Every structure is written in structure tokens, then in C-alpha cells.
């Protein structure tokens, strides 16, 4: 478990540092609302998100910072208390913590979240996001997929009359 906590904390700190470096560079070198084409489908576009996810509730960033801080504190308590987590889970939760911390830091340092990754050409997609958001997704989706596969396996075992067993995951 101790190694897992170290992995969690290290992932979170390095991830937050990386995401904050991105915010600093964009804030320092790209004017707000300026778009720079990197590839035909990828632009760097400096925008300020004064609200929450997908730009909802503009002007209520403080509320999202507070809710995020409470969620991240709860996540950390969960990670510290759960003795059965695997290393990949510590890593995934560390990515989620990194992204959340970075978005909270953006709100305190810059007054808003700095978004800048603009992917174009996807139907119905108009969102601009940041490195912290990517980390959150890279942490959440593997956990969701593993959880769905595990529950499917347990359901299959129950249907066959076998005693349910958790999937065996290697660290």
C-alpha cells in the first residue's frame, strides 16, 4: 500500500506540475482568443473558462473550485483507506487528482481555468480544453472500463451458478 500512496502522490504532483506548466506557457505566450494552427485539426486557442465543465455556469468558478476541492479530498481519503487498490488504480486516481488540482490552481492563480486545446472537425464538438482535463479523462476512463469488465465477469459467473470472484489484475 505504501508504494501505491507514493505512486498516487507522485503522479498527482508531476501531473499538476505538467498541467500548470501548460497554463503558464499559454498565459505567457498566447494572447487570449488567439488561435494558432498546429495541424489542420489541432489548434492552440487561448480561452478563459470562468465557469465549470463545458463552460457551464459562467462566473461561478469559485463554486466549482470548492466542490472540486471537496471531491479531491474525499478521493484522497478513499485512496489512503482502501487497502486493496492495484498500482494502476493508484496511477489513475493520481491523474484525476493532478487534473483537478491544476484546474483549481488555475482558478486561484489566473482567476479562471485556462483552456487551449482546440480539436476541430468533430461533428457537434466545439469545446476547448486543457492538459488537466486530459489527465482527468486518462484517469477516469480506464477505471470505468475495468469496472464494467469486472461487473460483466461477475454477472457471467452468477448466471453460471459459480461464486462471484473479482477479476485478477496484475500490478
C-alpha atoms as a PDB file:
ATOM      1  CA  UNK A   1       0.000   0.000   0.000  1.00  0.00           C
ATOM      2  CA  UNK A   2       2.771   2.462   0.865  1.00  0.00           C
ATOM      3  CA  UNK A   3       4.204   2.149  -2.644  1.00  0.00           C
ATOM      4  CA  UNK A   4       0.725   2.809  -4.014  1.00  0.00           C
ATOM      5  CA  UNK A   5       0.358   6.000  -1.996  1.00  0.00           C
ATOM      6  CA  UNK A   6       3.768   7.143  -3.226  1.00  0.00           C
ATOM      7  CA  UNK A   7       2.679   6.383  -6.820  1.00  0.00           C
ATOM      8  CA  UNK A   8      -0.582   8.294  -6.257  1.00  0.00           C
ATOM      9  CA  UNK A   9       1.164  11.347  -4.788  1.00  0.00           C
ATOM     10  CA  UNK A  10       3.991  11.359  -7.334  1.00  0.00           C
ATOM     11  CA  UNK A  11       1.577  11.041 -10.261  1.00  0.00           C
ATOM     12  CA  UNK A  12      -0.557  13.849  -8.844  1.00  0.00           C
ATOM     13  CA  UNK A  13       2.352  16.209  -8.228  1.00  0.00           C
ATOM     14  CA  UNK A  14       4.101  15.594 -11.549  1.00  0.00           C
ATOM     15  CA  UNK A  15       0.811  15.751 -13.444  1.00  0.00           C
ATOM     16  CA  UNK A  16      -0.209  19.014 -11.772  1.00  0.00           C
ATOM     17  CA  UNK A  17       3.237  20.461 -12.489  1.00  0.00           C
ATOM     18  CA  UNK A  18       2.934  19.493 -16.164  1.00  0.00           C
ATOM     19  CA  UNK A  19      -0.572  20.947 -16.453  1.00  0.00           C
ATOM     20  CA  UNK A  20       0.448  24.145 -14.658  1.00  0.00           C
ATOM     21  CA  UNK A  21       3.410  24.496 -16.996  1.00  0.00           C
ATOM     22  CA  UNK A  22       0.968  24.356 -19.916  1.00  0.00           C
ATOM     23  CA  UNK A  23      -1.242  27.029 -18.352  1.00  0.00           C
ATOM     24  CA  UNK A  24       1.769  29.245 -17.645  1.00  0.00           C
ATOM     25  CA  UNK A  25       3.117  28.933 -21.193  1.00  0.00           C
ATOM     26  CA  UNK A  26      -0.254  29.677 -22.782  1.00  0.00           C
ATOM     27  CA  UNK A  27      -0.861  32.615 -20.462  1.00  0.00           C
ATOM     28  CA  UNK A  28       2.640  33.970 -21.137  1.00  0.00           C
ATOM     29  CA  UNK A  29       2.938  33.484 -24.889  1.00  0.00           C
ATOM     30  CA  UNK A  30      -0.519  33.249 -26.490  1.00  0.00           C
ATOM     31  CA  UNK A  31      -2.878  36.211 -26.432  1.00  0.00           C
ATOM     32  CA  UNK A  32      -6.425  35.444 -25.259  1.00  0.00           C
ATOM     33  CA  UNK A  33      -8.783  34.359 -28.060  1.00  0.00           C
ATOM     34  CA  UNK A  34      -5.867  33.866 -30.464  1.00  0.00           C
ATOM     35  CA  UNK A  35      -5.844  30.633 -32.429  1.00  0.00           C
ATOM     36  CA  UNK A  36      -2.644  29.039 -33.687  1.00  0.00           C
ATOM     37  CA  UNK A  37      -2.903  26.128 -36.109  1.00  0.00           C
ATOM     38  CA  UNK A  38      -0.619  23.252 -35.131  1.00  0.00           C
ATOM     39  CA  UNK A  39      -2.204  20.710 -37.500  1.00  0.00           C
ATOM     40  CA  UNK A  40      -5.322  21.125 -39.655  1.00  0.00           C
ATOM     41  CA  UNK A  41      -7.440  19.533 -36.910  1.00  0.00           C
ATOM     42  CA  UNK A  42      -5.463  20.827 -33.888  1.00  0.00           C
ATOM     43  CA  UNK A  43      -5.293  24.458 -32.848  1.00  0.00           C
ATOM     44  CA  UNK A  44      -3.939  26.202 -29.774  1.00  0.00           C
ATOM     45  CA  UNK A  45      -6.656  28.644 -28.776  1.00  0.00           C
ATOM     46  CA  UNK A  46      -6.265  30.592 -25.517  1.00  0.00           C
ATOM     47  CA  UNK A  47      -9.660  30.942 -23.841  1.00  0.00           C
ATOM     48  CA  UNK A  48     -10.691  31.594 -20.257  1.00  0.00           C
ATOM     49  CA  UNK A  49     -13.305  29.373 -18.642  1.00  0.00           C
ATOM     50  CA  UNK A  50     -14.936  31.328 -15.830  1.00  0.00           C
ATOM     51  CA  UNK A  51     -17.420  28.531 -15.211  1.00  0.00           C
ATOM     52  CA  UNK A  52     -17.335  24.782 -14.942  1.00  0.00           C
ATOM     53  CA  UNK A  53     -17.376  21.735 -17.158  1.00  0.00           C
ATOM     54  CA  UNK A  54     -18.149  22.526 -20.812  1.00  0.00           C
ATOM     55  CA  UNK A  55     -18.224  26.212 -19.871  1.00  0.00           C
ATOM     56  CA  UNK A  56     -21.472  25.897 -17.915  1.00  0.00           C
ATOM     57  CA  UNK A  57     -22.376  28.361 -15.162  1.00  0.00           C
ATOM     58  CA  UNK A  58     -20.018  31.138 -16.207  1.00  0.00           C
ATOM     59  CA  UNK A  59     -18.941  33.317 -13.307  1.00  0.00           C
ATOM     60  CA  UNK A  60     -19.396  30.526 -10.765  1.00  0.00           C
ATOM     61  CA  UNK A  61     -15.827  29.183 -10.949  1.00  0.00           C
ATOM     62  CA  UNK A  62     -15.414  29.592  -7.190  1.00  0.00           C
ATOM     63  CA  UNK A  63     -18.233  27.067  -6.654  1.00  0.00           C
ATOM     64  CA  UNK A  64     -16.534  24.564  -8.953  1.00  0.00           C
ATOM     65  CA  UNK A  65     -13.224  25.093  -7.139  1.00  0.00           C
ATOM     66  CA  UNK A  66     -14.917  24.413  -3.794  1.00  0.00           C
ATOM     67  CA  UNK A  67     -16.785  21.314  -4.999  1.00  0.00           C
ATOM     68  CA  UNK A  68     -13.636  20.052  -6.735  1.00  0.00           C
ATOM     69  CA  UNK A  69     -11.529  20.534  -3.606  1.00  0.00           C
ATOM     70  CA  UNK A  70     -14.073  18.591  -1.529  1.00  0.00           C
ATOM     71  CA  UNK A  71     -14.216  15.819  -4.123  1.00  0.00           C
ATOM     72  CA  UNK A  72     -10.426  15.578  -4.320  1.00  0.00           C
ATOM     73  CA  UNK A  73     -10.149  15.461  -0.526  1.00  0.00           C
ATOM     74  CA  UNK A  74     -12.684  12.612  -0.493  1.00  0.00           C
ATOM     75  CA  UNK A  75     -10.790  10.838  -3.266  1.00  0.00           C
ATOM     76  CA  UNK A  76      -7.562  11.078  -1.293  1.00  0.00           C
ATOM     77  CA  UNK A  77      -9.225   9.692   1.847  1.00  0.00           C
ATOM     78  CA  UNK A  78     -10.589   6.804  -0.232  1.00  0.00           C
ATOM     79  CA  UNK A  79      -7.197   6.069  -1.805  1.00  0.00           C
ATOM     80  CA  UNK A  80      -5.433   6.128   1.572  1.00  0.00           C
ATOM     81  CA  UNK A  81      -8.021   3.921   3.294  1.00  0.00           C
ATOM     82  CA  UNK A  82      -8.607   1.282   0.609  1.00  0.00           C
ATOM     83  CA  UNK A  83      -6.048  -1.475   1.162  1.00  0.00           C
ATOM     84  CA  UNK A  84      -6.985  -3.444  -1.982  1.00  0.00           C
ATOM     85  CA  UNK A  85      -6.165  -0.978  -4.740  1.00  0.00           C
ATOM     86  CA  UNK A  86      -3.843  -2.039  -7.533  1.00  0.00           C
ATOM     87  CA  UNK A  87      -0.979   0.107  -8.821  1.00  0.00           C
ATOM     88  CA  UNK A  88      -2.872   1.038 -11.993  1.00  0.00           C
ATOM     89  CA  UNK A  89      -5.692   2.370  -9.782  1.00  0.00           C
ATOM     90  CA  UNK A  90      -3.270   4.473  -7.729  1.00  0.00           C
ATOM     91  CA  UNK A  91      -1.894   5.835 -11.012  1.00  0.00           C
ATOM     92  CA  UNK A  92      -5.357   6.572 -12.457  1.00  0.00           C
ATOM     93  CA  UNK A  93      -6.525   8.254  -9.261  1.00  0.00           C
ATOM     94  CA  UNK A  94      -3.278  10.250  -9.238  1.00  0.00           C
ATOM     95  CA  UNK A  95      -4.077  11.535 -12.732  1.00  0.00           C
ATOM     96  CA  UNK A  96      -7.559  12.568 -11.607  1.00  0.00           C
ATOM     97  CA  UNK A  97      -6.084  14.384  -8.602  1.00  0.00           C
ATOM     98  CA  UNK A  98      -3.476  16.076 -10.830  1.00  0.00           C
ATOM     99  CA  UNK A  99      -6.073  17.397 -13.253  1.00  0.00           C
ATOM    100  CA  UNK A 100      -8.415  18.550 -10.529  1.00  0.00           C
ATOM    101  CA  UNK A 101      -5.631  20.271  -8.586  1.00  0.00           C
ATOM    102  CA  UNK A 102      -4.392  22.013 -11.711  1.00  0.00           C
ATOM    103  CA  UNK A 103      -7.826  23.379 -12.603  1.00  0.00           C
ATOM    104  CA  UNK A 104      -8.255  24.624  -9.023  1.00  0.00           C
ATOM    105  CA  UNK A 105      -4.799  26.242  -9.179  1.00  0.00           C
ATOM    106  CA  UNK A 106      -5.716  27.916 -12.480  1.00  0.00           C
ATOM    107  CA  UNK A 107      -8.764  29.464 -10.793  1.00  0.00           C
ATOM    108  CA  UNK A 108      -6.662  30.828  -7.922  1.00  0.00           C
ATOM    109  CA  UNK A 109      -3.634  31.928  -9.974  1.00  0.00           C
ATOM    110  CA  UNK A 110      -5.333  33.277 -13.113  1.00  0.00           C
ATOM    111  CA  UNK A 111      -8.914  33.816 -11.957  1.00  0.00           C
ATOM    112  CA  UNK A 112     -10.216  31.198 -14.368  1.00  0.00           C
ATOM    113  CA  UNK A 113      -9.282  27.912 -15.978  1.00  0.00           C
ATOM    114  CA  UNK A 114      -7.030  28.382 -18.994  1.00  0.00           C
ATOM    115  CA  UNK A 115      -8.213  26.173 -21.839  1.00  0.00           C
ATOM    116  CA  UNK A 116      -6.228  25.920 -25.045  1.00  0.00           C
ATOM    117  CA  UNK A 117      -6.524  22.543 -26.808  1.00  0.00           C
ATOM    118  CA  UNK A 118      -8.925  23.048 -29.700  1.00  0.00           C
ATOM    119  CA  UNK A 119      -9.657  19.952 -31.771  1.00  0.00           C
ATOM    120  CA  UNK A 120     -11.632  20.699 -34.928  1.00  0.00           C
ATOM    121  CA  UNK A 121     -13.527  18.642 -37.433  1.00  0.00           C
ATOM    122  CA  UNK A 122     -15.503  16.505 -34.975  1.00  0.00           C
ATOM    123  CA  UNK A 123     -19.246  16.854 -35.604  1.00  0.00           C
ATOM    124  CA  UNK A 124     -21.081  18.653 -32.777  1.00  0.00           C
ATOM    125  CA  UNK A 125     -17.798  19.262 -30.923  1.00  0.00           C
ATOM    126  CA  UNK A 126     -16.985  22.866 -30.112  1.00  0.00           C
ATOM    127  CA  UNK A 127     -15.193  22.530 -26.798  1.00  0.00           C
ATOM    128  CA  UNK A 128     -11.729  23.746 -25.926  1.00  0.00           C
ATOM    129  CA  UNK A 129      -9.979  22.019 -23.047  1.00  0.00           C
ATOM    130  CA  UNK A 130      -6.607  21.815 -21.307  1.00  0.00           C
ATOM    131  CA  UNK A 131      -3.952  19.364 -20.174  1.00  0.00           C
ATOM    132  CA  UNK A 132      -5.611  18.968 -16.770  1.00  0.00           C
ATOM    133  CA  UNK A 133      -8.852  17.862 -18.452  1.00  0.00           C
ATOM    134  CA  UNK A 134      -6.912  15.286 -20.472  1.00  0.00           C
ATOM    135  CA  UNK A 135      -5.391  13.900 -17.269  1.00  0.00           C
ATOM    136  CA  UNK A 136      -8.792  13.609 -15.635  1.00  0.00           C
ATOM    137  CA  UNK A 137     -10.077  11.620 -18.619  1.00  0.00           C
ATOM    138  CA  UNK A 138      -6.948   9.463 -18.772  1.00  0.00           C
ATOM    139  CA  UNK A 139      -7.589   8.614 -15.134  1.00  0.00           C
ATOM    140  CA  UNK A 140     -11.338   8.042 -15.262  1.00  0.00           C
ATOM    141  CA  UNK A 141     -11.842   6.010 -18.448  1.00  0.00           C
ATOM    142  CA  UNK A 142      -9.530   3.076 -17.637  1.00  0.00           C
ATOM    143  CA  UNK A 143     -11.205   2.788 -14.234  1.00  0.00           C
ATOM    144  CA  UNK A 144     -14.668   2.807 -15.831  1.00  0.00           C
ATOM    145  CA  UNK A 145     -13.706   0.230 -18.461  1.00  0.00           C
ATOM    146  CA  UNK A 146     -12.075  -2.100 -15.917  1.00  0.00           C
ATOM    147  CA  UNK A 147     -15.101  -1.738 -13.634  1.00  0.00           C
ATOM    148  CA  UNK A 148     -17.512  -2.578 -16.461  1.00  0.00           C
ATOM    149  CA  UNK A 149     -15.460  -5.600 -17.493  1.00  0.00           C
ATOM    150  CA  UNK A 150     -15.287  -6.779 -13.876  1.00  0.00           C
ATOM    151  CA  UNK A 151     -19.034  -6.433 -13.333  1.00  0.00           C
ATOM    152  CA  UNK A 152     -19.706  -8.260 -16.589  1.00  0.00           C
ATOM    153  CA  UNK A 153     -17.462 -11.116 -15.469  1.00  0.00           C
ATOM    154  CA  UNK A 154     -19.175 -11.271 -12.070  1.00  0.00           C
ATOM    155  CA  UNK A 155     -22.604 -11.330 -13.741  1.00  0.00           C
ATOM    156  CA  UNK A 156     -21.478 -14.140 -16.035  1.00  0.00           C
ATOM    157  CA  UNK A 157     -20.224 -16.139 -13.030  1.00  0.00           C
ATOM    158  CA  UNK A 158     -23.517 -15.621 -11.177  1.00  0.00           C
ATOM    159  CA  UNK A 159     -25.519 -16.744 -14.190  1.00  0.00           C
ATOM    160  CA  UNK A 160     -23.482 -19.937 -14.275  1.00  0.00           C
ATOM    161  CA  UNK A 161     -24.102 -20.569 -10.584  1.00  0.00           C
ATOM    162  CA  UNK A 162     -20.469 -20.003  -9.669  1.00  0.00           C
ATOM    163  CA  UNK A 163     -19.481 -17.907  -6.727  1.00  0.00           C
ATOM    164  CA  UNK A 164     -18.610 -14.402  -7.988  1.00  0.00           C
ATOM    165  CA  UNK A 165     -14.957 -13.553  -7.978  1.00  0.00           C
ATOM    166  CA  UNK A 166     -13.294 -10.261  -8.606  1.00  0.00           C
ATOM    167  CA  UNK A 167     -11.154 -10.178 -11.736  1.00  0.00           C
ATOM    168  CA  UNK A 168      -7.495 -10.838 -11.182  1.00  0.00           C
ATOM    169  CA  UNK A 169      -5.486  -7.806 -12.130  1.00  0.00           C
ATOM    170  CA  UNK A 170      -1.745  -7.770 -12.004  1.00  0.00           C
ATOM    171  CA  UNK A 171       0.169  -4.735 -10.789  1.00  0.00           C
END
